[in-house]
Amino acid sequence: MKTIEHIPNPRLKEREKMGPHLTKHEQVGLNGRIALVITNTVGTMWCAYAFAAIALVSLPAAVQGGVATLIAWIAQTFLQLVLLSVIMVGQKVSAAASDKQALQTYRDAEALLKIQDELHRLIKVNNDLTEEIHRAVTAKGASAA
């Protein structure tokens, strides 16, 4: 019987070293770090509350200016200032959830790879035992004849 040797894919060792790719790995260079600091500062609900307070300072003037001024204040001042931070908070929450999902997928894949290696080991044991049984049966048949 022919013995088949299991050779693990070299990608497995590379994958083991690298681990899962997460959002935090995307920070590249000085500009990336600066952008991340600004994003983490502006992308908080406290910043959204501060922007709402700043926008509310100009609300009385917008109300006195009439309907067109009030609508412009709502669209250009309040919504843009406040929603900017709220959307950024949502993006951070979404990125964190995506990172958790990537990590879970990575762990699941690692578990499957270990199961696959164990399966290869068991197949080899099975093949070895089958070969041994074949030799024993063949030897017994030859001695009986």
C-alpha atoms as a PDB file:
ATOM      1  CA  MET A   1       0.000   0.000   0.000  1.00  0.00           C
ATOM      2  CA  LYS A   2       1.182   3.485  -0.784  1.00  0.00           C
ATOM      3  CA  THR A   3       1.767   5.795   2.189  1.00  0.00           C
ATOM      4  CA  ILE A   4       0.575   9.335   1.696  1.00  0.00           C
ATOM      5  CA  GLU A   5       2.437  11.964   3.641  1.00  0.00           C
ATOM      6  CA  HIS A   6       0.535  14.991   4.872  1.00  0.00           C
ATOM      7  CA  ILE A   7       2.364  18.240   4.127  1.00  0.00           C
ATOM      8  CA  PRO A   8       0.690  21.243   5.758  1.00  0.00           C
ATOM      9  CA  ASN A   9       0.179  24.242   3.531  1.00  0.00           C
ATOM     10  CA  PRO A  10       2.937  26.858   4.146  1.00  0.00           C
ATOM     11  CA  ARG A  11       0.211  29.512   4.411  1.00  0.00           C
ATOM     12  CA  LEU A  12      -0.698  28.038   7.813  1.00  0.00           C
ATOM     13  CA  LYS A  13       2.600  29.113   9.403  1.00  0.00           C
ATOM     14  CA  GLU A  14       2.306  32.558   7.814  1.00  0.00           C
ATOM     15  CA  ARG A  15      -1.261  32.857   9.102  1.00  0.00           C
ATOM     16  CA  GLU A  16      -0.177  31.764  12.587  1.00  0.00           C
ATOM     17  CA  LYS A  17       2.438  34.550  12.731  1.00  0.00           C
ATOM     18  CA  MET A  18       0.164  37.296  11.400  1.00  0.00           C
ATOM     19  CA  GLY A  19      -3.082  36.562  13.207  1.00  0.00           C
ATOM     20  CA  PRO A  20      -6.364  38.156  12.151  1.00  0.00           C
ATOM     21  CA  HIS A  21      -6.308  41.498  10.362  1.00  0.00           C
ATOM     22  CA  LEU A  22      -8.050  44.091  12.519  1.00  0.00           C
ATOM     23  CA  THR A  23      -9.027  47.736  12.128  1.00  0.00           C
ATOM     24  CA  LYS A  24      -6.129  48.880  14.307  1.00  0.00           C
ATOM     25  CA  HIS A  25      -3.688  47.460  11.751  1.00  0.00           C
ATOM     26  CA  GLU A  26      -4.786  50.103   9.238  1.00  0.00           C
ATOM     27  CA  GLN A  27      -2.934  52.984  10.927  1.00  0.00           C
ATOM     28  CA  VAL A  28      -0.141  53.830   8.532  1.00  0.00           C
ATOM     29  CA  GLY A  29       2.470  56.491   9.178  1.00  0.00           C
ATOM     30  CA  LEU A  30       2.205  59.867  10.846  1.00  0.00           C
ATOM     31  CA  ASN A  31      -0.832  61.004   8.846  1.00  0.00           C
ATOM     32  CA  GLY A  32      -2.701  57.854   9.790  1.00  0.00           C
ATOM     33  CA  ARG A  33      -1.928  58.369  13.485  1.00  0.00           C
ATOM     34  CA  ILE A  34      -3.003  62.047  13.322  1.00  0.00           C
ATOM     35  CA  ALA A  35      -6.226  61.075  11.551  1.00  0.00           C
ATOM     36  CA  LEU A  36      -6.878  58.403  14.157  1.00  0.00           C
ATOM     37  CA  VAL A  37      -6.406  60.857  17.048  1.00  0.00           C
ATOM     38  CA  ILE A  38      -8.789  63.349  15.419  1.00  0.00           C
ATOM     39  CA  THR A  39     -11.308  60.614  14.614  1.00  0.00           C
ATOM     40  CA  ASN A  40     -11.185  59.245  18.156  1.00  0.00           C
ATOM     41  CA  THR A  41     -11.635  62.754  19.572  1.00  0.00           C
ATOM     42  CA  VAL A  42     -14.413  63.982  17.270  1.00  0.00           C
ATOM     43  CA  GLY A  43     -16.053  60.553  17.117  1.00  0.00           C
ATOM     44  CA  THR A  44     -17.390  60.561  20.669  1.00  0.00           C
ATOM     45  CA  MET A  45     -20.834  61.277  22.007  1.00  0.00           C
ATOM     46  CA  TRP A  46     -19.293  63.914  24.309  1.00  0.00           C
ATOM     47  CA  CYS A  47     -18.081  65.756  21.226  1.00  0.00           C
ATOM     48  CA  ALA A  48     -21.571  65.432  19.706  1.00  0.00           C
ATOM     49  CA  TYR A  49     -23.042  66.960  22.880  1.00  0.00           C
ATOM     50  CA  ALA A  50     -20.484  69.798  22.732  1.00  0.00           C
ATOM     51  CA  PHE A  51     -21.305  70.451  19.063  1.00  0.00           C
ATOM     52  CA  ALA A  52     -25.026  70.466  19.905  1.00  0.00           C
ATOM     53  CA  ALA A  53     -24.411  73.032  22.663  1.00  0.00           C
ATOM     54  CA  ILE A  54     -22.336  75.206  20.303  1.00  0.00           C
ATOM     55  CA  ALA A  55     -25.035  74.993  17.630  1.00  0.00           C
ATOM     56  CA  LEU A  56     -27.758  75.887  20.139  1.00  0.00           C
ATOM     57  CA  VAL A  57     -25.962  79.167  20.903  1.00  0.00           C
ATOM     58  CA  SER A  58     -26.884  80.422  17.436  1.00  0.00           C
ATOM     59  CA  LEU A  59     -30.481  79.073  17.544  1.00  0.00           C
ATOM     60  CA  PRO A  60     -32.099  82.317  18.822  1.00  0.00           C
ATOM     61  CA  ALA A  61     -30.589  84.273  15.920  1.00  0.00           C
ATOM     62  CA  ALA A  62     -31.780  81.620  13.461  1.00  0.00           C
ATOM     63  CA  VAL A  63     -35.328  81.779  14.874  1.00  0.00           C
ATOM     64  CA  GLN A  64     -35.350  85.586  14.574  1.00  0.00           C
ATOM     65  CA  GLY A  65     -34.134  85.347  10.965  1.00  0.00           C
ATOM     66  CA  GLY A  66     -37.284  83.567   9.815  1.00  0.00           C
ATOM     67  CA  VAL A  67     -38.139  80.196   8.342  1.00  0.00           C
ATOM     68  CA  ALA A  68     -35.380  80.138   5.707  1.00  0.00           C
ATOM     69  CA  THR A  69     -32.723  81.015   8.273  1.00  0.00           C
ATOM     70  CA  LEU A  70     -34.063  78.430  10.723  1.00  0.00           C
ATOM     71  CA  ILE A  71     -34.059  75.700   8.059  1.00  0.00           C
ATOM     72  CA  ALA A  72     -30.513  76.685   7.049  1.00  0.00           C
ATOM     73  CA  TRP A  73     -29.453  76.564  10.721  1.00  0.00           C
ATOM     74  CA  ILE A  74     -30.971  73.087  11.152  1.00  0.00           C
ATOM     75  CA  ALA A  75     -29.403  71.696   7.971  1.00  0.00           C
ATOM     76  CA  GLN A  76     -26.053  73.476   7.935  1.00  0.00           C
ATOM     77  CA  THR A  77     -25.268  73.985  11.572  1.00  0.00           C
ATOM     78  CA  PHE A  78     -27.042  71.561  13.830  1.00  0.00           C
ATOM     79  CA  LEU A  79     -27.293  68.451  11.674  1.00  0.00           C
ATOM     80  CA  GLN A  80     -23.824  68.731  10.166  1.00  0.00           C
ATOM     81  CA  LEU A  81     -22.099  69.405  13.465  1.00  0.00           C
ATOM     82  CA  VAL A  82     -23.948  66.896  15.589  1.00  0.00           C
ATOM     83  CA  LEU A  83     -24.460  64.143  13.032  1.00  0.00           C
ATOM     84  CA  LEU A  84     -20.776  64.213  12.112  1.00  0.00           C
ATOM     85  CA  SER A  85     -19.826  62.986  15.577  1.00  0.00           C
ATOM     86  CA  VAL A  86     -22.770  60.612  15.897  1.00  0.00           C
ATOM     87  CA  ILE A  87     -21.940  58.960  12.551  1.00  0.00           C
ATOM     88  CA  MET A  88     -18.308  58.631  13.598  1.00  0.00           C
ATOM     89  CA  VAL A  89     -19.373  56.953  16.843  1.00  0.00           C
ATOM     90  CA  GLY A  90     -21.508  54.557  14.804  1.00  0.00           C
ATOM     91  CA  GLN A  91     -18.551  53.811  12.531  1.00  0.00           C
ATOM     92  CA  LYS A  92     -16.348  53.028  15.538  1.00  0.00           C
ATOM     93  CA  VAL A  93     -18.994  50.695  16.964  1.00  0.00           C
ATOM     94  CA  SER A  94     -19.370  49.035  13.570  1.00  0.00           C
ATOM     95  CA  ALA A  95     -15.579  48.634  13.198  1.00  0.00           C
ATOM     96  CA  ALA A  96     -15.334  47.094  16.668  1.00  0.00           C
ATOM     97  CA  ALA A  97     -18.095  44.626  15.798  1.00  0.00           C
ATOM     98  CA  SER A  98     -16.336  43.824  12.528  1.00  0.00           C
ATOM     99  CA  ASP A  99     -13.080  43.201  14.394  1.00  0.00           C
ATOM    100  CA  LYS A 100     -14.851  40.845  16.800  1.00  0.00           C
ATOM    101  CA  GLN A 101     -16.353  38.982  13.858  1.00  0.00           C
ATOM    102  CA  ALA A 102     -12.954  38.762  12.115  1.00  0.00           C
ATOM    103  CA  LEU A 103     -11.353  37.433  15.287  1.00  0.00           C
ATOM    104  CA  GLN A 104     -14.096  34.836  15.737  1.00  0.00           C
ATOM    105  CA  THR A 105     -13.795  33.756  12.101  1.00  0.00           C
ATOM    106  CA  TYR A 106     -10.024  33.485  12.552  1.00  0.00           C
ATOM    107  CA  ARG A 107     -10.433  31.327  15.668  1.00  0.00           C
ATOM    108  CA  ASP A 108     -13.002  29.132  13.901  1.00  0.00           C
ATOM    109  CA  ALA A 109     -10.632  28.653  10.962  1.00  0.00           C
ATOM    110  CA  GLU A 110      -7.801  27.776  13.367  1.00  0.00           C
ATOM    111  CA  ALA A 111     -10.014  25.161  15.030  1.00  0.00           C
ATOM    112  CA  LEU A 112     -10.935  23.685  11.643  1.00  0.00           C
ATOM    113  CA  LEU A 113      -7.283  23.518  10.645  1.00  0.00           C
ATOM    114  CA  LYS A 114      -6.454  21.646  13.860  1.00  0.00           C
ATOM    115  CA  ILE A 115      -9.333  19.238  13.219  1.00  0.00           C
ATOM    116  CA  GLN A 116      -8.036  18.730   9.678  1.00  0.00           C
ATOM    117  CA  ASP A 117      -4.543  17.952  10.957  1.00  0.00           C
ATOM    118  CA  GLU A 118      -5.986  15.471  13.473  1.00  0.00           C
ATOM    119  CA  LEU A 119      -8.014  13.890  10.674  1.00  0.00           C
ATOM    120  CA  HIS A 120      -4.844  13.481   8.581  1.00  0.00           C
ATOM    121  CA  ARG A 121      -3.130  11.859  11.571  1.00  0.00           C
ATOM    122  CA  LEU A 122      -6.032   9.459  12.092  1.00  0.00           C
ATOM    123  CA  ILE A 123      -6.099   8.548   8.396  1.00  0.00           C
ATOM    124  CA  LYS A 124      -2.380   7.753   8.579  1.00  0.00           C
ATOM    125  CA  VAL A 125      -2.935   5.560  11.657  1.00  0.00           C
ATOM    126  CA  ASN A 126      -5.822   3.846   9.856  1.00  0.00           C
ATOM    127  CA  ASN A 127      -3.701   3.258   6.743  1.00  0.00           C
ATOM    128  CA  ASP A 128      -0.841   1.868   8.851  1.00  0.00           C
ATOM    129  CA  LEU A 129      -3.185  -0.492  10.692  1.00  0.00           C
ATOM    130  CA  THR A 130      -4.837  -1.598   7.447  1.00  0.00           C
ATOM    131  CA  GLU A 131      -1.407  -2.312   5.991  1.00  0.00           C
ATOM    132  CA  GLU A 132      -0.456  -4.286   9.111  1.00  0.00           C
ATOM    133  CA  ILE A 133      -3.694  -6.308   8.919  1.00  0.00           C
ATOM    134  CA  HIS A 134      -3.080  -6.939   5.197  1.00  0.00           C
ATOM    135  CA  ARG A 135       0.442  -8.203   5.901  1.00  0.00           C
ATOM    136  CA  ALA A 136      -0.837 -10.432   8.749  1.00  0.00           C
ATOM    137  CA  VAL A 137      -3.610 -11.920   6.594  1.00  0.00           C
ATOM    138  CA  THR A 138      -1.231 -12.408   3.664  1.00  0.00           C
ATOM    139  CA  ALA A 139       1.359 -14.082   5.910  1.00  0.00           C
ATOM    140  CA  LYS A 140      -1.270 -16.343   7.494  1.00  0.00           C
ATOM    141  CA  GLY A 141      -2.605 -17.282   4.056  1.00  0.00           C
ATOM    142  CA  ALA A 142       0.896 -18.077   2.802  1.00  0.00           C
ATOM    143  CA  SER A 143       1.695 -20.253   5.840  1.00  0.00           C
ATOM    144  CA  ALA A 144      -1.633 -22.127   5.541  1.00  0.00           C
ATOM    145  CA  ALA A 145      -0.929 -23.013   1.911  1.00  0.00           C
END
